[in-house]
């Protein structure tokens, strides 16, 4: 099997519709042993989701911005496994005032929160796990991305944070290559997860991808993304690092641009205003 004997840390699992949960599921089906992380009030949801996996997984509490919890996570994994072969970074957050068309008005504090939690935390996680990767003779980290080579209306400062994530990925690949640690991103198309529901007018992303992706796109099917994550966590990608792999039905290659999404968003706002009158 693709991940036979691999020891993987999967962050970002909340419910069983999340990309991270499906990545954990596929990883277990491919022979990996998995540990999940949960956070704050969502910890119980993560624990419940862990029981829905093919093999129930241990859950470690992790606020990635809390160094004590980061250190405790590393100590627990060291005690459990003595090394780690791979990790998925599926952590992102932006305050409400940094999304939804508020780009010009968003305060610096909100932009900084989006950056630290969504991009800098990838470095935090990887550097913390570095000694465990070294013990394992190398490994792989993968982070979830959303391609922002174009400006997407409503995504705003989270889009900026995702572009920062791409740069962090390149630097991790550069600095950790001597340790045989690979760093790659999976740029997923829009999926109907709990996180996606926090993005204003998410339904317009769905429309754009369905209309423009050459292979089509199903926002309710995270399996293609989960499978690519597992490929990058496996030895099949042993010479791939610093890369961004798009799993979006080909949308990124042929997109007509984001103007159509913006027009649809403006039209939706107009219709909503008429309904309220």
C-alpha atoms as a PDB file:
ATOM      1  CA  UNK A   1       0.000   0.000   0.000  1.00  0.00           C
ATOM      2  CA  UNK A   2       1.050   3.574  -0.703  1.00  0.00           C
ATOM      3  CA  UNK A   3       1.626   4.585   2.919  1.00  0.00           C
ATOM      4  CA  UNK A   4       2.353   1.258   4.561  1.00  0.00           C
ATOM      5  CA  UNK A   5       4.008   1.825   7.944  1.00  0.00           C
ATOM      6  CA  UNK A   6       3.981   5.634   7.696  1.00  0.00           C
ATOM      7  CA  UNK A   7       3.324   7.693  10.832  1.00  0.00           C
ATOM      8  CA  UNK A   8       1.341  10.801   9.962  1.00  0.00           C
ATOM      9  CA  UNK A   9       0.138  13.862  11.832  1.00  0.00           C
ATOM     10  CA  UNK A  10      -3.056  15.338  10.373  1.00  0.00           C
ATOM     11  CA  UNK A  11      -4.088  18.788  11.574  1.00  0.00           C
ATOM     12  CA  UNK A  12      -7.249  20.709  10.810  1.00  0.00           C
ATOM     13  CA  UNK A  13      -9.852  17.975  11.277  1.00  0.00           C
ATOM     14  CA  UNK A  14     -13.141  19.302  12.581  1.00  0.00           C
ATOM     15  CA  UNK A  15     -15.996  17.337  11.022  1.00  0.00           C
ATOM     16  CA  UNK A  16     -15.944  14.365   8.679  1.00  0.00           C
ATOM     17  CA  UNK A  17     -16.637  16.580   5.668  1.00  0.00           C
ATOM     18  CA  UNK A  18     -13.261  18.324   6.027  1.00  0.00           C
ATOM     19  CA  UNK A  19     -10.441  17.759   3.552  1.00  0.00           C
ATOM     20  CA  UNK A  20      -8.149  16.797   6.434  1.00  0.00           C
ATOM     21  CA  UNK A  21     -10.549  14.085   7.637  1.00  0.00           C
ATOM     22  CA  UNK A  22     -10.719  12.541   4.183  1.00  0.00           C
ATOM     23  CA  UNK A  23      -6.931  12.718   3.901  1.00  0.00           C
ATOM     24  CA  UNK A  24      -6.706  10.817   7.192  1.00  0.00           C
ATOM     25  CA  UNK A  25      -9.225   8.272   5.923  1.00  0.00           C
ATOM     26  CA  UNK A  26      -7.371   7.639   2.669  1.00  0.00           C
ATOM     27  CA  UNK A  27      -4.043   7.505   4.541  1.00  0.00           C
ATOM     28  CA  UNK A  28      -5.367   4.792   6.854  1.00  0.00           C
ATOM     29  CA  UNK A  29      -6.764   2.874   3.900  1.00  0.00           C
ATOM     30  CA  UNK A  30      -3.278   3.040   2.379  1.00  0.00           C
ATOM     31  CA  UNK A  31      -1.609   1.613   5.481  1.00  0.00           C
ATOM     32  CA  UNK A  32      -0.634   4.662   7.555  1.00  0.00           C
ATOM     33  CA  UNK A  33      -0.989   5.196  11.272  1.00  0.00           C
ATOM     34  CA  UNK A  34      -2.578   8.571  11.950  1.00  0.00           C
ATOM     35  CA  UNK A  35      -2.825  11.074  14.803  1.00  0.00           C
ATOM     36  CA  UNK A  36      -5.183  14.039  14.550  1.00  0.00           C
ATOM     37  CA  UNK A  37      -5.164  17.429  16.220  1.00  0.00           C
ATOM     38  CA  UNK A  38      -8.115  19.464  17.452  1.00  0.00           C
ATOM     39  CA  UNK A  39      -8.484  22.928  18.854  1.00  0.00           C
ATOM     40  CA  UNK A  40     -10.501  24.722  21.528  1.00  0.00           C
ATOM     41  CA  UNK A  41     -14.256  24.387  21.376  1.00  0.00           C
ATOM     42  CA  UNK A  42     -13.941  22.203  18.269  1.00  0.00           C
ATOM     43  CA  UNK A  43     -11.890  19.544  20.085  1.00  0.00           C
ATOM     44  CA  UNK A  44     -14.923  17.393  20.847  1.00  0.00           C
ATOM     45  CA  UNK A  45     -15.993  17.520  17.209  1.00  0.00           C
ATOM     46  CA  UNK A  46     -12.512  16.347  16.207  1.00  0.00           C
ATOM     47  CA  UNK A  47     -12.694  13.497  18.710  1.00  0.00           C
ATOM     48  CA  UNK A  48     -16.092  12.497  17.348  1.00  0.00           C
ATOM     49  CA  UNK A  49     -14.763  12.607  13.794  1.00  0.00           C
ATOM     50  CA  UNK A  50     -11.753  10.500  14.824  1.00  0.00           C
ATOM     51  CA  UNK A  51     -14.136   7.697  15.786  1.00  0.00           C
ATOM     52  CA  UNK A  52     -15.615   7.741  12.266  1.00  0.00           C
ATOM     53  CA  UNK A  53     -12.307   6.864  10.615  1.00  0.00           C
ATOM     54  CA  UNK A  54     -11.675   3.271   9.498  1.00  0.00           C
ATOM     55  CA  UNK A  55      -9.433   3.002  12.575  1.00  0.00           C
ATOM     56  CA  UNK A  56     -10.119   5.371  15.452  1.00  0.00           C
ATOM     57  CA  UNK A  57      -7.258   7.853  15.758  1.00  0.00           C
ATOM     58  CA  UNK A  58      -5.760   9.549  18.771  1.00  0.00           C
ATOM     59  CA  UNK A  59      -6.487  13.280  19.007  1.00  0.00           C
ATOM     60  CA  UNK A  60      -4.005  15.779  20.435  1.00  0.00           C
ATOM     61  CA  UNK A  61      -5.126  19.265  21.411  1.00  0.00           C
ATOM     62  CA  UNK A  62      -3.217  21.852  19.376  1.00  0.00           C
ATOM     63  CA  UNK A  63      -3.517  25.602  19.163  1.00  0.00           C
ATOM     64  CA  UNK A  64      -0.756  26.207  16.644  1.00  0.00           C
ATOM     65  CA  UNK A  65      -0.176  29.695  18.082  1.00  0.00           C
ATOM     66  CA  UNK A  66       0.353  28.302  21.591  1.00  0.00           C
ATOM     67  CA  UNK A  67       3.979  27.184  21.928  1.00  0.00           C
ATOM     68  CA  UNK A  68       3.260  25.077  25.030  1.00  0.00           C
ATOM     69  CA  UNK A  69       0.720  23.029  23.102  1.00  0.00           C
ATOM     70  CA  UNK A  70       3.088  22.734  20.151  1.00  0.00           C
ATOM     71  CA  UNK A  71       5.816  21.402  22.447  1.00  0.00           C
ATOM     72  CA  UNK A  72       3.381  19.011  24.139  1.00  0.00           C
ATOM     73  CA  UNK A  73       2.301  17.666  20.741  1.00  0.00           C
ATOM     74  CA  UNK A  74       5.900  16.951  19.748  1.00  0.00           C
ATOM     75  CA  UNK A  75       6.599  15.252  23.085  1.00  0.00           C
ATOM     76  CA  UNK A  76       3.510  13.058  22.703  1.00  0.00           C
ATOM     77  CA  UNK A  77       4.420  12.004  19.155  1.00  0.00           C
ATOM     78  CA  UNK A  78       7.982  11.278  20.220  1.00  0.00           C
ATOM     79  CA  UNK A  79       6.750   9.082  23.056  1.00  0.00           C
ATOM     80  CA  UNK A  80       4.215   7.329  20.834  1.00  0.00           C
ATOM     81  CA  UNK A  81       6.268   6.779  17.692  1.00  0.00           C
ATOM     82  CA  UNK A  82       9.819   8.005  18.198  1.00  0.00           C
ATOM     83  CA  UNK A  83       9.644   9.703  14.811  1.00  0.00           C
ATOM     84  CA  UNK A  84       7.227  11.119  12.243  1.00  0.00           C
ATOM     85  CA  UNK A  85       7.122  10.427   8.499  1.00  0.00           C
ATOM     86  CA  UNK A  86       4.663  13.067   7.365  1.00  0.00           C
ATOM     87  CA  UNK A  87       2.311  15.852   8.397  1.00  0.00           C
ATOM     88  CA  UNK A  88      -0.603  17.717   6.859  1.00  0.00           C
ATOM     89  CA  UNK A  89      -1.016  21.411   7.646  1.00  0.00           C
ATOM     90  CA  UNK A  90      -4.717  22.205   7.224  1.00  0.00           C
ATOM     91  CA  UNK A  91      -4.877  25.265   9.467  1.00  0.00           C
ATOM     92  CA  UNK A  92      -6.258  28.614   8.334  1.00  0.00           C
ATOM     93  CA  UNK A  93      -8.181  31.509   9.823  1.00  0.00           C
ATOM     94  CA  UNK A  94      -8.991  35.112   8.985  1.00  0.00           C
ATOM     95  CA  UNK A  95     -11.200  37.448  11.035  1.00  0.00           C
ATOM     96  CA  UNK A  96     -14.550  38.323   9.490  1.00  0.00           C
ATOM     97  CA  UNK A  97     -13.448  41.889   8.805  1.00  0.00           C
ATOM     98  CA  UNK A  98     -10.618  40.604   6.601  1.00  0.00           C
ATOM     99  CA  UNK A  99     -13.022  38.827   4.223  1.00  0.00           C
ATOM    100  CA  UNK A 100     -16.141  39.512   2.207  1.00  0.00           C
ATOM    101  CA  UNK A 101     -15.075  42.575   0.248  1.00  0.00           C
ATOM    102  CA  UNK A 102     -13.532  44.419   3.195  1.00  0.00           C
ATOM    103  CA  UNK A 103      -9.991  44.378   1.795  1.00  0.00           C
ATOM    104  CA  UNK A 104      -9.565  48.155   1.774  1.00  0.00           C
ATOM    105  CA  UNK A 105     -11.033  48.630   5.251  1.00  0.00           C
ATOM    106  CA  UNK A 106      -9.462  45.679   7.082  1.00  0.00           C
ATOM    107  CA  UNK A 107      -7.181  46.699   9.976  1.00  0.00           C
ATOM    108  CA  UNK A 108      -3.566  45.595  10.111  1.00  0.00           C
ATOM    109  CA  UNK A 109      -4.303  43.434  13.144  1.00  0.00           C
ATOM    110  CA  UNK A 110      -6.776  41.300  11.180  1.00  0.00           C
ATOM    111  CA  UNK A 111      -4.381  40.903   8.257  1.00  0.00           C
ATOM    112  CA  UNK A 112      -1.632  39.897  10.690  1.00  0.00           C
ATOM    113  CA  UNK A 113      -3.898  37.311  12.315  1.00  0.00           C
ATOM    114  CA  UNK A 114      -4.658  35.798   8.913  1.00  0.00           C
ATOM    115  CA  UNK A 115      -0.942  35.623   8.080  1.00  0.00           C
ATOM    116  CA  UNK A 116       0.256  34.179  11.395  1.00  0.00           C
ATOM    117  CA  UNK A 117      -2.440  31.517  11.641  1.00  0.00           C
ATOM    118  CA  UNK A 118      -2.667  30.568   7.967  1.00  0.00           C
ATOM    119  CA  UNK A 119       0.933  30.898   6.725  1.00  0.00           C
ATOM    120  CA  UNK A 120       3.510  31.361   9.484  1.00  0.00           C
ATOM    121  CA  UNK A 121       1.980  28.407  11.342  1.00  0.00           C
ATOM    122  CA  UNK A 122       3.150  26.113   8.517  1.00  0.00           C
ATOM    123  CA  UNK A 123       6.709  27.001   9.510  1.00  0.00           C
ATOM    124  CA  UNK A 124       5.822  26.644  13.203  1.00  0.00           C
ATOM    125  CA  UNK A 125       4.495  23.114  12.710  1.00  0.00           C
ATOM    126  CA  UNK A 126       7.291  21.960  10.426  1.00  0.00           C
ATOM    127  CA  UNK A 127      10.145  23.286  12.534  1.00  0.00           C
ATOM    128  CA  UNK A 128       8.594  21.769  15.677  1.00  0.00           C
ATOM    129  CA  UNK A 129       8.390  18.366  13.976  1.00  0.00           C
ATOM    130  CA  UNK A 130      11.834  18.618  12.403  1.00  0.00           C
ATOM    131  CA  UNK A 131      13.634  16.509  15.084  1.00  0.00           C
ATOM    132  CA  UNK A 132      11.048  13.743  14.630  1.00  0.00           C
ATOM    133  CA  UNK A 133      11.496  13.820  10.853  1.00  0.00           C
ATOM    134  CA  UNK A 134      15.250  13.584  11.322  1.00  0.00           C
ATOM    135  CA  UNK A 135      14.764  10.538  13.558  1.00  0.00           C
ATOM    136  CA  UNK A 136      12.694   8.973  10.787  1.00  0.00           C
ATOM    137  CA  UNK A 137      15.373   9.651   8.169  1.00  0.00           C
ATOM    138  CA  UNK A 138      13.330  12.335   6.434  1.00  0.00           C
ATOM    139  CA  UNK A 139       9.697  12.855   5.549  1.00  0.00           C
ATOM    140  CA  UNK A 140       7.141  15.145   4.005  1.00  0.00           C
ATOM    141  CA  UNK A 141       4.964  18.072   4.959  1.00  0.00           C
ATOM    142  CA  UNK A 142       1.954  19.100   2.894  1.00  0.00           C
ATOM    143  CA  UNK A 143      -0.172  22.214   3.349  1.00  0.00           C
ATOM    144  CA  UNK A 144      -3.584  23.028   1.908  1.00  0.00           C
ATOM    145  CA  UNK A 145      -3.551  25.973  -0.450  1.00  0.00           C
ATOM    146  CA  UNK A 146      -6.053  27.889  -2.569  1.00  0.00           C
ATOM    147  CA  UNK A 147      -4.347  29.308  -5.649  1.00  0.00           C
ATOM    148  CA  UNK A 148      -4.312  33.089  -5.491  1.00  0.00           C
ATOM    149  CA  UNK A 149      -2.292  33.971  -8.547  1.00  0.00           C
ATOM    150  CA  UNK A 150      -5.453  35.950  -9.295  1.00  0.00           C
ATOM    151  CA  UNK A 151      -7.375  38.157  -6.880  1.00  0.00           C
ATOM    152  CA  UNK A 152     -10.608  36.453  -5.843  1.00  0.00           C
ATOM    153  CA  UNK A 153     -13.359  38.815  -4.688  1.00  0.00           C
ATOM    154  CA  UNK A 154     -14.492  38.100  -1.112  1.00  0.00           C
ATOM    155  CA  UNK A 155     -11.344  36.088  -0.244  1.00  0.00           C
ATOM    156  CA  UNK A 156      -9.375  39.279   0.429  1.00  0.00           C
ATOM    157  CA  UNK A 157      -6.697  39.007   3.163  1.00  0.00           C
ATOM    158  CA  UNK A 158      -7.004  35.239   3.317  1.00  0.00           C
ATOM    159  CA  UNK A 159      -5.918  35.299  -0.314  1.00  0.00           C
ATOM    160  CA  UNK A 160      -2.876  37.337   0.673  1.00  0.00           C
ATOM    161  CA  UNK A 161      -2.144  34.851   3.467  1.00  0.00           C
ATOM    162  CA  UNK A 162      -2.373  31.959   1.006  1.00  0.00           C
ATOM    163  CA  UNK A 163       0.145  33.639  -1.282  1.00  0.00           C
ATOM    164  CA  UNK A 164       2.412  33.989   1.751  1.00  0.00           C
ATOM    165  CA  UNK A 165       1.890  30.271   2.400  1.00  0.00           C
ATOM    166  CA  UNK A 166       3.277  29.534  -1.061  1.00  0.00           C
ATOM    167  CA  UNK A 167       6.413  31.502  -0.262  1.00  0.00           C
ATOM    168  CA  UNK A 168       6.793  29.806   3.127  1.00  0.00           C
ATOM    169  CA  UNK A 169       6.584  26.468   1.322  1.00  0.00           C
ATOM    170  CA  UNK A 170       9.466  27.362  -0.988  1.00  0.00           C
ATOM    171  CA  UNK A 171      11.658  28.454   1.902  1.00  0.00           C
ATOM    172  CA  UNK A 172      10.883  25.303   3.894  1.00  0.00           C
ATOM    173  CA  UNK A 173      11.853  23.239   0.858  1.00  0.00           C
ATOM    174  CA  UNK A 174      15.116  25.179   0.604  1.00  0.00           C
ATOM    175  CA  UNK A 175      16.148  25.033   4.244  1.00  0.00           C
ATOM    176  CA  UNK A 176      15.047  21.472   5.028  1.00  0.00           C
ATOM    177  CA  UNK A 177      16.277  19.640   1.941  1.00  0.00           C
ATOM    178  CA  UNK A 178      19.468  18.530   3.689  1.00  0.00           C
ATOM    179  CA  UNK A 179      17.280  16.782   6.276  1.00  0.00           C
ATOM    180  CA  UNK A 180      15.442  14.950   3.471  1.00  0.00           C
ATOM    181  CA  UNK A 181      12.243  16.774   4.411  1.00  0.00           C
ATOM    182  CA  UNK A 182      10.018  17.603   1.450  1.00  0.00           C
ATOM    183  CA  UNK A 183       7.545  20.522   1.521  1.00  0.00           C
ATOM    184  CA  UNK A 184       4.675  20.779  -0.945  1.00  0.00           C
ATOM    185  CA  UNK A 185       1.267  22.394  -1.309  1.00  0.00           C
ATOM    186  CA  UNK A 186      -2.009  21.068  -2.658  1.00  0.00           C
ATOM    187  CA  UNK A 187      -4.044  23.879  -4.218  1.00  0.00           C
ATOM    188  CA  UNK A 188      -7.570  22.548  -4.012  1.00  0.00           C
ATOM    189  CA  UNK A 189     -10.625  23.725  -5.819  1.00  0.00           C
ATOM    190  CA  UNK A 190     -13.500  24.971  -3.644  1.00  0.00           C
ATOM    191  CA  UNK A 191     -15.073  22.298  -1.443  1.00  0.00           C
ATOM    192  CA  UNK A 192     -18.192  22.513   0.698  1.00  0.00           C
ATOM    193  CA  UNK A 193     -16.526  22.233   4.084  1.00  0.00           C
ATOM    194  CA  UNK A 194     -17.324  23.998   7.343  1.00  0.00           C
ATOM    195  CA  UNK A 195     -14.432  26.375   6.666  1.00  0.00           C
ATOM    196  CA  UNK A 196     -15.790  27.246   3.224  1.00  0.00           C
ATOM    197  CA  UNK A 197     -19.096  28.344   4.746  1.00  0.00           C
ATOM    198  CA  UNK A 198     -17.281  31.240   6.419  1.00  0.00           C
ATOM    199  CA  UNK A 199     -16.387  32.698   2.995  1.00  0.00           C
ATOM    200  CA  UNK A 200     -19.072  35.149   1.828  1.00  0.00           C
ATOM    201  CA  UNK A 201     -20.768  34.153  -1.454  1.00  0.00           C
ATOM    202  CA  UNK A 202     -18.981  30.795  -1.558  1.00  0.00           C
ATOM    203  CA  UNK A 203     -21.672  29.540  -3.937  1.00  0.00           C
ATOM    204  CA  UNK A 204     -20.224  31.783  -6.646  1.00  0.00           C
ATOM    205  CA  UNK A 205     -16.919  29.906  -6.476  1.00  0.00           C
ATOM    206  CA  UNK A 206     -18.895  26.704  -7.021  1.00  0.00           C
ATOM    207  CA  UNK A 207     -20.566  28.179 -10.114  1.00  0.00           C
ATOM    208  CA  UNK A 208     -17.269  29.420 -11.575  1.00  0.00           C
ATOM    209  CA  UNK A 209     -15.501  26.068 -11.141  1.00  0.00           C
ATOM    210  CA  UNK A 210     -18.396  24.059 -12.568  1.00  0.00           C
ATOM    211  CA  UNK A 211     -18.521  26.304 -15.630  1.00  0.00           C
ATOM    212  CA  UNK A 212     -14.787  26.646 -16.318  1.00  0.00           C
ATOM    213  CA  UNK A 213     -12.885  23.592 -15.026  1.00  0.00           C
ATOM    214  CA  UNK A 214     -12.090  21.302 -18.013  1.00  0.00           C
ATOM    215  CA  UNK A 215     -12.656  18.171 -15.928  1.00  0.00           C
ATOM    216  CA  UNK A 216     -15.608  19.651 -14.117  1.00  0.00           C
ATOM    217  CA  UNK A 217     -15.679  20.088 -10.363  1.00  0.00           C
ATOM    218  CA  UNK A 218     -17.797  18.682  -7.538  1.00  0.00           C
ATOM    219  CA  UNK A 219     -17.683  20.752  -4.353  1.00  0.00           C
ATOM    220  CA  UNK A 220     -19.028  17.759  -2.425  1.00  0.00           C
ATOM    221  CA  UNK A 221     -16.232  15.344  -3.403  1.00  0.00           C
ATOM    222  CA  UNK A 222     -12.990  15.860  -1.424  1.00  0.00           C
ATOM    223  CA  UNK A 223     -11.576  12.477  -2.457  1.00  0.00           C
ATOM    224  CA  UNK A 224      -9.361  13.719  -5.335  1.00  0.00           C
ATOM    225  CA  UNK A 225      -7.729  16.257  -3.024  1.00  0.00           C
ATOM    226  CA  UNK A 226      -7.286  13.704  -0.235  1.00  0.00           C
ATOM    227  CA  UNK A 227      -5.640  11.257  -2.612  1.00  0.00           C
ATOM    228  CA  UNK A 228      -3.144  13.823  -3.908  1.00  0.00           C
ATOM    229  CA  UNK A 229      -2.237  14.744  -0.330  1.00  0.00           C
ATOM    230  CA  UNK A 230      -1.451  11.103   0.333  1.00  0.00           C
ATOM    231  CA  UNK A 231       0.655  10.843  -2.822  1.00  0.00           C
ATOM    232  CA  UNK A 232       2.767  13.790  -1.654  1.00  0.00           C
ATOM    233  CA  UNK A 233       3.116  12.252   1.804  1.00  0.00           C
ATOM    234  CA  UNK A 234       4.329   8.999   0.261  1.00  0.00           C
ATOM    235  CA  UNK A 235       7.699   7.888  -1.070  1.00  0.00           C
ATOM    236  CA  UNK A 236       6.289   8.164  -4.594  1.00  0.00           C
ATOM    237  CA  UNK A 237       7.094  11.892  -4.389  1.00  0.00           C
ATOM    238  CA  UNK A 238      10.628  11.409  -3.063  1.00  0.00           C
ATOM    239  CA  UNK A 239      12.152  13.957  -5.481  1.00  0.00           C
ATOM    240  CA  UNK A 240       9.364  16.546  -5.342  1.00  0.00           C
ATOM    241  CA  UNK A 241       9.625  19.561  -3.043  1.00  0.00           C
ATOM    242  CA  UNK A 242       8.744  23.246  -3.124  1.00  0.00           C
ATOM    243  CA  UNK A 243       5.887  22.387  -5.470  1.00  0.00           C
ATOM    244  CA  UNK A 244       2.241  23.493  -5.742  1.00  0.00           C
ATOM    245  CA  UNK A 245       0.031  20.718  -7.107  1.00  0.00           C
ATOM    246  CA  UNK A 246      -3.354  21.898  -8.337  1.00  0.00           C
ATOM    247  CA  UNK A 247      -6.315  19.616  -7.749  1.00  0.00           C
ATOM    248  CA  UNK A 248      -9.053  21.806  -9.158  1.00  0.00           C
ATOM    249  CA  UNK A 249     -10.317  20.103 -12.296  1.00  0.00           C
ATOM    250  CA  UNK A 250      -7.900  22.230 -14.348  1.00  0.00           C
ATOM    251  CA  UNK A 251      -9.563  25.547 -13.476  1.00  0.00           C
ATOM    252  CA  UNK A 252      -6.259  27.302 -12.795  1.00  0.00           C
ATOM    253  CA  UNK A 253      -4.967  26.507 -16.293  1.00  0.00           C
ATOM    254  CA  UNK A 254      -7.860  27.888 -18.326  1.00  0.00           C
ATOM    255  CA  UNK A 255      -9.654  30.351 -16.060  1.00  0.00           C
ATOM    256  CA  UNK A 256     -11.197  33.330 -17.825  1.00  0.00           C
ATOM    257  CA  UNK A 257     -10.198  35.355 -14.776  1.00  0.00           C
ATOM    258  CA  UNK A 258     -12.098  36.379 -11.698  1.00  0.00           C
ATOM    259  CA  UNK A 259     -14.122  39.130 -13.288  1.00  0.00           C
ATOM    260  CA  UNK A 260     -17.071  36.798 -13.802  1.00  0.00           C
ATOM    261  CA  UNK A 261     -17.076  35.898 -10.121  1.00  0.00           C
ATOM    262  CA  UNK A 262     -17.056  39.589  -9.227  1.00  0.00           C
ATOM    263  CA  UNK A 263     -19.931  40.308 -11.597  1.00  0.00           C
ATOM    264  CA  UNK A 264     -21.925  37.432 -10.116  1.00  0.00           C
ATOM    265  CA  UNK A 265     -21.194  38.730  -6.626  1.00  0.00           C
ATOM    266  CA  UNK A 266     -22.385  42.220  -7.542  1.00  0.00           C
ATOM    267  CA  UNK A 267     -25.525  40.771  -9.097  1.00  0.00           C
ATOM    268  CA  UNK A 268     -26.209  38.695  -5.977  1.00  0.00           C
ATOM    269  CA  UNK A 269     -25.842  41.815  -3.824  1.00  0.00           C
ATOM    270  CA  UNK A 270     -28.239  43.696  -6.101  1.00  0.00           C
ATOM    271  CA  UNK A 271     -30.858  40.948  -5.922  1.00  0.00           C
ATOM    272  CA  UNK A 272     -30.528  40.764  -2.148  1.00  0.00           C
ATOM    273  CA  UNK A 273     -30.999  44.532  -1.841  1.00  0.00           C
ATOM    274  CA  UNK A 274     -34.138  44.381  -4.016  1.00  0.00           C
ATOM    275  CA  UNK A 275     -35.574  41.570  -1.882  1.00  0.00           C
ATOM    276  CA  UNK A 276     -35.042  43.591   1.286  1.00  0.00           C
ATOM    277  CA  UNK A 277     -36.882  46.617  -0.094  1.00  0.00           C
END
